[in-house]
Amino acid sequence: MKQFQYVITDPVGVHARPAGLLVKAAKALSSRVTVAKADGKSADATRLMTLMGLGIKCGDIVTVTVEGGDEDASLQAMEAFFKENL
């Protein structure tokens, strides 16, 4: 299991478009990706409605956890995705 924290910089947070892109990116990986907020709520990154239900806003700190499969490559891919899109 590997993880990183990220501060959301998108002015509107995790809304439909970036959430959909995140789901697509997470499904392409062999690892399981989970996104968690500081309040303890978490969601599987491949489930769009659950992910959007977290209500992640600009300035929120999320913890992204990658488990199984090729964790190192998956972690790098998720870090790059978050920096580019969120």
PDB file of N, CA and C in Angstrom:
ATOM      1  N   MET A   1       0.852  -1.174   0.000  1.00  0.00           N
ATOM      2  CA  MET A   1       0.000   0.000   0.000  1.00  0.00           C
ATOM      3  C   MET A   1       0.902   1.244   0.000  1.00  0.00           C
ATOM      4  N   LYS A   2       0.600   2.148  -0.906  1.00  0.00           N
ATOM      5  CA  LYS A   2       1.320   3.419  -0.980  1.00  0.00           C
ATOM      6  C   LYS A   2       0.282   4.531  -1.030  1.00  0.00           C
ATOM      7  N   GLN A   3       0.660   5.710  -0.515  1.00  0.00           N
ATOM      8  CA  GLN A   3      -0.293   6.813  -0.540  1.00  0.00           C
ATOM      9  C   GLN A   3       0.419   8.159  -0.608  1.00  0.00           C
ATOM     10  N   PHE A   4      -0.344   9.161  -1.026  1.00  0.00           N
ATOM     11  CA  PHE A   4       0.147  10.529  -1.028  1.00  0.00           C
ATOM     12  C   PHE A   4      -1.015  11.452  -0.693  1.00  0.00           C
ATOM     13  N   GLN A   5      -0.666  12.652  -0.229  1.00  0.00           N
ATOM     14  CA  GLN A   5      -1.698  13.650   0.046  1.00  0.00           C
ATOM     15  C   GLN A   5      -1.625  14.733  -1.011  1.00  0.00           C
ATOM     16  N   TYR A   6      -2.777  15.314  -1.314  1.00  0.00           N
ATOM     17  CA  TYR A   6      -2.837  16.347  -2.333  1.00  0.00           C
ATOM     18  C   TYR A   6      -3.860  17.406  -1.925  1.00  0.00           C
ATOM     19  N   VAL A   7      -3.509  18.670  -2.132  1.00  0.00           N
ATOM     20  CA  VAL A   7      -4.437  19.773  -1.866  1.00  0.00           C
ATOM     21  C   VAL A   7      -5.123  20.109  -3.184  1.00  0.00           C
ATOM     22  N   ILE A   8      -6.443  20.027  -3.208  1.00  0.00           N
ATOM     23  CA  ILE A   8      -7.212  20.298  -4.421  1.00  0.00           C
ATOM     24  C   ILE A   8      -7.087  21.774  -4.784  1.00  0.00           C
ATOM     25  N   THR A   9      -6.675  22.048  -6.031  1.00  0.00           N
ATOM     26  CA  THR A   9      -6.490  23.431  -6.475  1.00  0.00           C
ATOM     27  C   THR A   9      -7.543  23.859  -7.497  1.00  0.00           C
ATOM     28  N   ASP A  10      -8.324  22.920  -8.028  1.00  0.00           N
ATOM     29  CA  ASP A  10      -9.387  23.270  -8.977  1.00  0.00           C
ATOM     30  C   ASP A  10     -10.393  24.164  -8.254  1.00  0.00           C
ATOM     31  N   PRO A  11     -10.703  25.342  -8.810  1.00  0.00           N
ATOM     32  CA  PRO A  11     -11.599  26.290  -8.122  1.00  0.00           C
ATOM     33  C   PRO A  11     -12.972  25.724  -7.735  1.00  0.00           C
ATOM     34  N   VAL A  12     -13.478  24.762  -8.487  1.00  0.00           N
ATOM     35  CA  VAL A  12     -14.778  24.180  -8.154  1.00  0.00           C
ATOM     36  C   VAL A  12     -14.672  22.790  -7.536  1.00  0.00           C
ATOM     37  N   GLY A  13     -13.456  22.366  -7.215  1.00  0.00           N
ATOM     38  CA  GLY A  13     -13.270  21.077  -6.565  1.00  0.00           C
ATOM     39  C   GLY A  13     -13.439  19.908  -7.519  1.00  0.00           C
ATOM     40  N   VAL A  14     -13.817  18.767  -6.969  1.00  0.00           N
ATOM     41  CA  VAL A  14     -13.994  17.563  -7.776  1.00  0.00           C
ATOM     42  C   VAL A  14     -15.443  17.521  -8.251  1.00  0.00           C
ATOM     43  N   HIS A  15     -15.670  18.089  -9.433  1.00  0.00           N
ATOM     44  CA  HIS A  15     -17.008  18.094 -10.031  1.00  0.00           C
ATOM     45  C   HIS A  15     -17.059  17.034 -11.134  1.00  0.00           C
ATOM     46  N   ALA A  16     -18.111  16.997 -11.894  1.00  0.00           N
ATOM     47  CA  ALA A  16     -18.373  15.903 -12.839  1.00  0.00           C
ATOM     48  C   ALA A  16     -17.245  15.633 -13.831  1.00  0.00           C
ATOM     49  N   ARG A  17     -16.716  16.668 -14.473  1.00  0.00           N
ATOM     50  CA  ARG A  17     -15.700  16.439 -15.507  1.00  0.00           C
ATOM     51  C   ARG A  17     -14.421  15.826 -14.934  1.00  0.00           C
ATOM     52  N   PRO A  18     -13.776  16.457 -13.936  1.00  0.00           N
ATOM     53  CA  PRO A  18     -12.548  15.831 -13.429  1.00  0.00           C
ATOM     54  C   PRO A  18     -12.801  14.506 -12.707  1.00  0.00           C
ATOM     55  N   ALA A  19     -13.966  14.362 -12.088  1.00  0.00           N
ATOM     56  CA  ALA A  19     -14.289  13.085 -11.432  1.00  0.00           C
ATOM     57  C   ALA A  19     -14.395  11.979 -12.473  1.00  0.00           C
ATOM     58  N   GLY A  20     -15.010  12.281 -13.604  1.00  0.00           N
ATOM     59  CA  GLY A  20     -15.116  11.301 -14.689  1.00  0.00           C
ATOM     60  C   GLY A  20     -13.750  10.924 -15.242  1.00  0.00           C
ATOM     61  N   LEU A  21     -12.871  11.910 -15.374  1.00  0.00           N
ATOM     62  CA  LEU A  21     -11.515  11.642 -15.847  1.00  0.00           C
ATOM     63  C   LEU A  21     -10.743  10.795 -14.831  1.00  0.00           C
ATOM     64  N   LEU A  22     -10.952  11.073 -13.539  1.00  0.00           N
ATOM     65  CA  LEU A  22     -10.287  10.303 -12.490  1.00  0.00           C
ATOM     66  C   LEU A  22     -10.744   8.851 -12.518  1.00  0.00           C
ATOM     67  N   VAL A  23     -12.034   8.629 -12.677  1.00  0.00           N
ATOM     68  CA  VAL A  23     -12.571   7.266 -12.755  1.00  0.00           C
ATOM     69  C   VAL A  23     -11.933   6.522 -13.926  1.00  0.00           C
ATOM     70  N   LYS A  24     -11.861   7.185 -15.066  1.00  0.00           N
ATOM     71  CA  LYS A  24     -11.283   6.564 -16.263  1.00  0.00           C
ATOM     72  C   LYS A  24      -9.806   6.225 -16.022  1.00  0.00           C
ATOM     73  N   ALA A  25      -9.064   7.148 -15.416  1.00  0.00           N
ATOM     74  CA  ALA A  25      -7.638   6.923 -15.142  1.00  0.00           C
ATOM     75  C   ALA A  25      -7.446   5.790 -14.134  1.00  0.00           C
ATOM     76  N   ALA A  26      -8.277   5.748 -13.101  1.00  0.00           N
ATOM     77  CA  ALA A  26      -8.160   4.708 -12.066  1.00  0.00           C
ATOM     78  C   ALA A  26      -8.508   3.331 -12.626  1.00  0.00           C
ATOM     79  N   LYS A  27      -9.499   3.261 -13.516  1.00  0.00           N
ATOM     80  CA  LYS A  27      -9.891   1.978 -14.101  1.00  0.00           C
ATOM     81  C   LYS A  27      -8.798   1.410 -14.996  1.00  0.00           C
ATOM     82  N   ALA A  28      -7.945   2.282 -15.547  1.00  0.00           N
ATOM     83  CA  ALA A  28      -6.874   1.835 -16.436  1.00  0.00           C
ATOM     84  C   ALA A  28      -5.700   1.208 -15.677  1.00  0.00           C
ATOM     85  N   LEU A  29      -5.678   1.368 -14.361  1.00  0.00           N
ATOM     86  CA  LEU A  29      -4.576   0.847 -13.553  1.00  0.00           C
ATOM     87  C   LEU A  29      -4.879  -0.552 -13.032  1.00  0.00           C
ATOM     88  N   SER A  30      -3.807  -1.293 -12.732  1.00  0.00           N
ATOM     89  CA  SER A  30      -4.006  -2.632 -12.173  1.00  0.00           C
ATOM     90  C   SER A  30      -4.164  -2.581 -10.656  1.00  0.00           C
ATOM     91  N   SER A  31      -3.924  -1.427 -10.061  1.00  0.00           N
ATOM     92  CA  SER A  31      -4.049  -1.255  -8.610  1.00  0.00           C
ATOM     93  C   SER A  31      -5.416  -0.694  -8.239  1.00  0.00           C
ATOM     94  N   ARG A  32      -5.800  -0.891  -6.976  1.00  0.00           N
ATOM     95  CA  ARG A  32      -7.036  -0.311  -6.444  1.00  0.00           C
ATOM     96  C   ARG A  32      -6.697   1.072  -5.901  1.00  0.00           C
ATOM     97  N   VAL A  33      -7.466   2.075  -6.294  1.00  0.00           N
ATOM     98  CA  VAL A  33      -7.204   3.454  -5.878  1.00  0.00           C
ATOM     99  C   VAL A  33      -8.369   3.948  -5.028  1.00  0.00           C
ATOM    100  N   THR A  34      -8.046   4.492  -3.856  1.00  0.00           N
ATOM    101  CA  THR A  34      -9.044   5.029  -2.943  1.00  0.00           C
ATOM    102  C   THR A  34      -8.705   6.486  -2.646  1.00  0.00           C
ATOM    103  N   VAL A  35      -9.745   7.336  -2.631  1.00  0.00           N
ATOM    104  CA  VAL A  35      -9.568   8.754  -2.299  1.00  0.00           C
ATOM    105  C   VAL A  35     -10.287   9.004  -0.976  1.00  0.00           C
ATOM    106  N   ALA A  36      -9.576   9.611  -0.014  1.00  0.00           N
ATOM    107  CA  ALA A  36     -10.157   9.874   1.305  1.00  0.00           C
ATOM    108  C   ALA A  36      -9.993  11.342   1.674  1.00  0.00           C
ATOM    109  N   LYS A  37     -11.029  11.893   2.324  1.00  0.00           N
ATOM    110  CA  LYS A  37     -10.971  13.261   2.837  1.00  0.00           C
ATOM    111  C   LYS A  37     -10.474  13.231   4.276  1.00  0.00           C
ATOM    112  N   ALA A  38     -10.116  14.401   4.780  1.00  0.00           N
ATOM    113  CA  ALA A  38      -9.614  14.521   6.151  1.00  0.00           C
ATOM    114  C   ALA A  38     -10.659  14.110   7.186  1.00  0.00           C
ATOM    115  N   ASP A  39     -11.957  14.218   6.826  1.00  0.00           N
ATOM    116  CA  ASP A  39     -13.015  13.862   7.776  1.00  0.00           C
ATOM    117  C   ASP A  39     -13.252  12.355   7.879  1.00  0.00           C
ATOM    118  N   GLY A  40     -12.457  11.574   7.143  1.00  0.00           N
ATOM    119  CA  GLY A  40     -12.566  10.121   7.217  1.00  0.00           C
ATOM    120  C   GLY A  40     -13.406   9.481   6.128  1.00  0.00           C
ATOM    121  N   LYS A  41     -14.168  10.271   5.373  1.00  0.00           N
ATOM    122  CA  LYS A  41     -14.959   9.710   4.275  1.00  0.00           C
ATOM    123  C   LYS A  41     -14.021   9.309   3.144  1.00  0.00           C
ATOM    124  N   SER A  42     -14.323   8.175   2.511  1.00  0.00           N
ATOM    125  CA  SER A  42     -13.485   7.732   1.402  1.00  0.00           C
ATOM    126  C   SER A  42     -14.337   7.097   0.312  1.00  0.00           C
ATOM    127  N   ALA A  43     -13.729   6.977  -0.871  1.00  0.00           N
ATOM    128  CA  ALA A  43     -14.434   6.390  -2.003  1.00  0.00           C
ATOM    129  C   ALA A  43     -13.447   5.672  -2.907  1.00  0.00           C
ATOM    130  N   ASP A  44     -13.918   4.587  -3.505  1.00  0.00           N
ATOM    131  CA  ASP A  44     -13.161   3.898  -4.539  1.00  0.00           C
ATOM    132  C   ASP A  44     -13.106   4.841  -5.738  1.00  0.00           C
ATOM    133  N   ALA A  45     -11.929   5.070  -6.279  1.00  0.00           N
ATOM    134  CA  ALA A  45     -11.769   6.038  -7.376  1.00  0.00           C
ATOM    135  C   ALA A  45     -12.400   5.582  -8.684  1.00  0.00           C
ATOM    136  N   THR A  46     -12.901   4.356  -8.747  1.00  0.00           N
ATOM    137  CA  THR A  46     -13.557   3.894  -9.976  1.00  0.00           C
ATOM    138  C   THR A  46     -15.079   4.052  -9.912  1.00  0.00           C
ATOM    139  N   ARG A  47     -15.581   4.614  -8.826  1.00  0.00           N
ATOM    140  CA  ARG A  47     -17.036   4.779  -8.660  1.00  0.00           C
ATOM    141  C   ARG A  47     -17.396   6.265  -8.679  1.00  0.00           C
ATOM    142  N   LEU A  48     -17.888   6.729  -9.813  1.00  0.00           N
ATOM    143  CA  LEU A  48     -18.137   8.146 -10.063  1.00  0.00           C
ATOM    144  C   LEU A  48     -19.047   8.796  -9.026  1.00  0.00           C
ATOM    145  N   MET A  49     -20.205   8.248  -8.791  1.00  0.00           N
ATOM    146  CA  MET A  49     -21.168   8.893  -7.892  1.00  0.00           C
ATOM    147  C   MET A  49     -20.670   8.912  -6.440  1.00  0.00           C
ATOM    148  N   THR A  50     -20.004   7.859  -6.026  1.00  0.00           N
ATOM    149  CA  THR A  50     -19.448   7.815  -4.667  1.00  0.00           C
ATOM    150  C   THR A  50     -18.349   8.859  -4.523  1.00  0.00           C
ATOM    151  N   LEU A  51     -17.526   8.975  -5.546  1.00  0.00           N
ATOM    152  CA  LEU A  51     -16.446   9.959  -5.551  1.00  0.00           C
ATOM    153  C   LEU A  51     -16.998  11.378  -5.479  1.00  0.00           C
ATOM    154  N   MET A  52     -17.997  11.677  -6.286  1.00  0.00           N
ATOM    155  CA  MET A  52     -18.606  13.008  -6.280  1.00  0.00           C
ATOM    156  C   MET A  52     -19.346  13.258  -4.963  1.00  0.00           C
ATOM    157  N   GLY A  53     -19.861  12.201  -4.348  1.00  0.00           N
ATOM    158  CA  GLY A  53     -20.582  12.310  -3.088  1.00  0.00           C
ATOM    159  C   GLY A  53     -19.698  12.740  -1.917  1.00  0.00           C
ATOM    160  N   LEU A  54     -18.383  12.664  -2.090  1.00  0.00           N
ATOM    161  CA  LEU A  54     -17.483  13.117  -1.027  1.00  0.00           C
ATOM    162  C   LEU A  54     -17.534  14.633  -0.858  1.00  0.00           C
ATOM    163  N   GLY A  55     -17.957  15.342  -1.913  1.00  0.00           N
ATOM    164  CA  GLY A  55     -18.065  16.802  -1.830  1.00  0.00           C
ATOM    165  C   GLY A  55     -16.712  17.482  -1.667  1.00  0.00           C
ATOM    166  N   ILE A  56     -15.727  17.034  -2.420  1.00  0.00           N
ATOM    167  CA  ILE A  56     -14.378  17.592  -2.311  1.00  0.00           C
ATOM    168  C   ILE A  56     -14.342  18.973  -2.970  1.00  0.00           C
ATOM    169  N   LYS A  57     -13.901  19.969  -2.192  1.00  0.00           N
ATOM    170  CA  LYS A  57     -13.868  21.352  -2.647  1.00  0.00           C
ATOM    171  C   LYS A  57     -12.430  21.848  -2.773  1.00  0.00           C
ATOM    172  N   CYS A  58     -12.266  22.996  -3.407  1.00  0.00           N
ATOM    173  CA  CYS A  58     -10.962  23.625  -3.541  1.00  0.00           C
ATOM    174  C   CYS A  58     -10.373  23.864  -2.147  1.00  0.00           C
ATOM    175  N   GLY A  59      -9.119  23.503  -1.972  1.00  0.00           N
ATOM    176  CA  GLY A  59      -8.458  23.671  -0.683  1.00  0.00           C
ATOM    177  C   GLY A  59      -8.518  22.451   0.213  1.00  0.00           C
ATOM    178  N   ASP A  60      -9.397  21.494  -0.105  1.00  0.00           N
ATOM    179  CA  ASP A  60      -9.473  20.260   0.689  1.00  0.00           C
ATOM    180  C   ASP A  60      -8.215  19.419   0.471  1.00  0.00           C
ATOM    181  N   ILE A  61      -7.782  18.744   1.523  1.00  0.00           N
ATOM    182  CA  ILE A  61      -6.649  17.830   1.426  1.00  0.00           C
ATOM    183  C   ILE A  61      -7.209  16.415   1.324  1.00  0.00           C
ATOM    184  N   VAL A  62      -6.803  15.713   0.280  1.00  0.00           N
ATOM    185  CA  VAL A  62      -7.237  14.329   0.111  1.00  0.00           C
ATOM    186  C   VAL A  62      -6.027  13.407   0.212  1.00  0.00           C
ATOM    187  N   THR A  63      -6.277  12.203   0.668  1.00  0.00           N
ATOM    188  CA  THR A  63      -5.248  11.170   0.715  1.00  0.00           C
ATOM    189  C   THR A  63      -5.613  10.125  -0.320  1.00  0.00           C
ATOM    190  N   VAL A  64      -4.695   9.869  -1.234  1.00  0.00           N
ATOM    191  CA  VAL A  64      -4.912   8.885  -2.291  1.00  0.00           C
ATOM    192  C   VAL A  64      -4.091   7.648  -1.936  1.00  0.00           C
ATOM    193  N   THR A  65      -4.781   6.507  -1.859  1.00  0.00           N
ATOM    194  CA  THR A  65      -4.138   5.245  -1.501  1.00  0.00           C
ATOM    195  C   THR A  65      -4.176   4.297  -2.698  1.00  0.00           C
ATOM    196  N   VAL A  66      -3.046   3.687  -2.986  1.00  0.00           N
ATOM    197  CA  VAL A  66      -2.918   2.744  -4.100  1.00  0.00           C
ATOM    198  C   VAL A  66      -2.508   1.397  -3.503  1.00  0.00           C
ATOM    199  N   GLU A  67      -3.284   0.342  -3.829  1.00  0.00           N
ATOM    200  CA  GLU A  67      -3.013  -0.989  -3.283  1.00  0.00           C
ATOM    201  C   GLU A  67      -3.016  -2.032  -4.385  1.00  0.00           C
ATOM    202  N   GLY A  68      -2.086  -2.980  -4.295  1.00  0.00           N
ATOM    203  CA  GLY A  68      -2.049  -4.100  -5.220  1.00  0.00           C
ATOM    204  C   GLY A  68      -1.513  -3.725  -6.587  1.00  0.00           C
ATOM    205  N   GLY A  69      -1.366  -4.734  -7.416  1.00  0.00           N
ATOM    206  CA  GLY A  69      -0.879  -4.485  -8.771  1.00  0.00           C
ATOM    207  C   GLY A  69       0.504  -3.854  -8.749  1.00  0.00           C
ATOM    208  N   ASP A  70       0.767  -2.970  -9.665  1.00  0.00           N
ATOM    209  CA  ASP A  70       2.050  -2.265  -9.750  1.00  0.00           C
ATOM    210  C   ASP A  70       1.911  -0.937  -9.010  1.00  0.00           C
ATOM    211  N   GLU A  71       2.080  -0.981  -7.696  1.00  0.00           N
ATOM    212  CA  GLU A  71       1.819   0.193  -6.853  1.00  0.00           C
ATOM    213  C   GLU A  71       2.674   1.402  -7.211  1.00  0.00           C
ATOM    214  N   ASP A  72       3.955   1.192  -7.487  1.00  0.00           N
ATOM    215  CA  ASP A  72       4.842   2.322  -7.771  1.00  0.00           C
ATOM    216  C   ASP A  72       4.400   3.071  -9.030  1.00  0.00           C
ATOM    217  N   ALA A  73       4.166   2.341 -10.108  1.00  0.00           N
ATOM    218  CA  ALA A  73       3.744   2.974 -11.357  1.00  0.00           C
ATOM    219  C   ALA A  73       2.360   3.606 -11.210  1.00  0.00           C
ATOM    220  N   SER A  74       1.463   2.927 -10.506  1.00  0.00           N
ATOM    221  CA  SER A  74       0.113   3.453 -10.310  1.00  0.00           C
ATOM    222  C   SER A  74       0.141   4.724  -9.470  1.00  0.00           C
ATOM    223  N   LEU A  75       0.988   4.743  -8.450  1.00  0.00           N
ATOM    224  CA  LEU A  75       1.113   5.928  -7.599  1.00  0.00           C
ATOM    225  C   LEU A  75       1.622   7.113  -8.422  1.00  0.00           C
ATOM    226  N   GLN A  76       2.623   6.881  -9.238  1.00  0.00           N
ATOM    227  CA  GLN A  76       3.153   7.954 -10.088  1.00  0.00           C
ATOM    228  C   GLN A  76       2.093   8.452 -11.057  1.00  0.00           C
ATOM    229  N   ALA A  77       1.320   7.541 -11.627  1.00  0.00           N
ATOM    230  CA  ALA A  77       0.266   7.923 -12.565  1.00  0.00           C
ATOM    231  C   ALA A  77      -0.805   8.763 -11.871  1.00  0.00           C
ATOM    232  N   MET A  78      -1.188   8.374 -10.654  1.00  0.00           N
ATOM    233  CA  MET A  78      -2.202   9.130  -9.915  1.00  0.00           C
ATOM    234  C   MET A  78      -1.681  10.499  -9.483  1.00  0.00           C
ATOM    235  N   GLU A  79      -0.433  10.585  -9.045  1.00  0.00           N
ATOM    236  CA  GLU A  79       0.140  11.879  -8.673  1.00  0.00           C
ATOM    237  C   GLU A  79       0.153  12.819  -9.867  1.00  0.00           C
ATOM    238  N   ALA A  80       0.556  12.309 -11.023  1.00  0.00           N
ATOM    239  CA  ALA A  80       0.575  13.124 -12.238  1.00  0.00           C
ATOM    240  C   ALA A  80      -0.840  13.566 -12.611  1.00  0.00           C
ATOM    241  N   PHE A  81      -1.800  12.642 -12.507  1.00  0.00           N
ATOM    242  CA  PHE A  81      -3.189  12.982 -12.835  1.00  0.00           C
ATOM    243  C   PHE A  81      -3.694  14.114 -11.945  1.00  0.00           C
ATOM    244  N   PHE A  82      -3.492  14.002 -10.642  1.00  0.00           N
ATOM    245  CA  PHE A  82      -3.980  15.020  -9.711  1.00  0.00           C
ATOM    246  C   PHE A  82      -3.341  16.383  -9.995  1.00  0.00           C
ATOM    247  N   LYS A  83      -2.040  16.398 -10.265  1.00  0.00           N
ATOM    248  CA  LYS A  83      -1.355  17.660 -10.545  1.00  0.00           C
ATOM    249  C   LYS A  83      -1.873  18.317 -11.816  1.00  0.00           C
ATOM    250  N   GLU A  84      -2.197  17.508 -12.825  1.00  0.00           N
ATOM    251  CA  GLU A  84      -2.652  18.028 -14.114  1.00  0.00           C
ATOM    252  C   GLU A  84      -4.128  18.437 -14.106  1.00  0.00           C
ATOM    253  N   ASN A  85      -4.956  17.742 -13.327  1.00  0.00           N
ATOM    254  CA  ASN A  85      -6.407  17.918 -13.439  1.00  0.00           C
ATOM    255  C   ASN A  85      -7.120  18.463 -12.202  1.00  0.00           C
ATOM    256  N   LEU A  86      -6.517  18.397 -11.039  1.00  0.00           N
ATOM    257  CA  LEU A  86      -7.213  18.789  -9.831  1.00  0.00           C
ATOM    258  C   LEU A  86      -6.393  19.769  -9.012  1.00  0.00           C
TER     259      LEU A  86
END
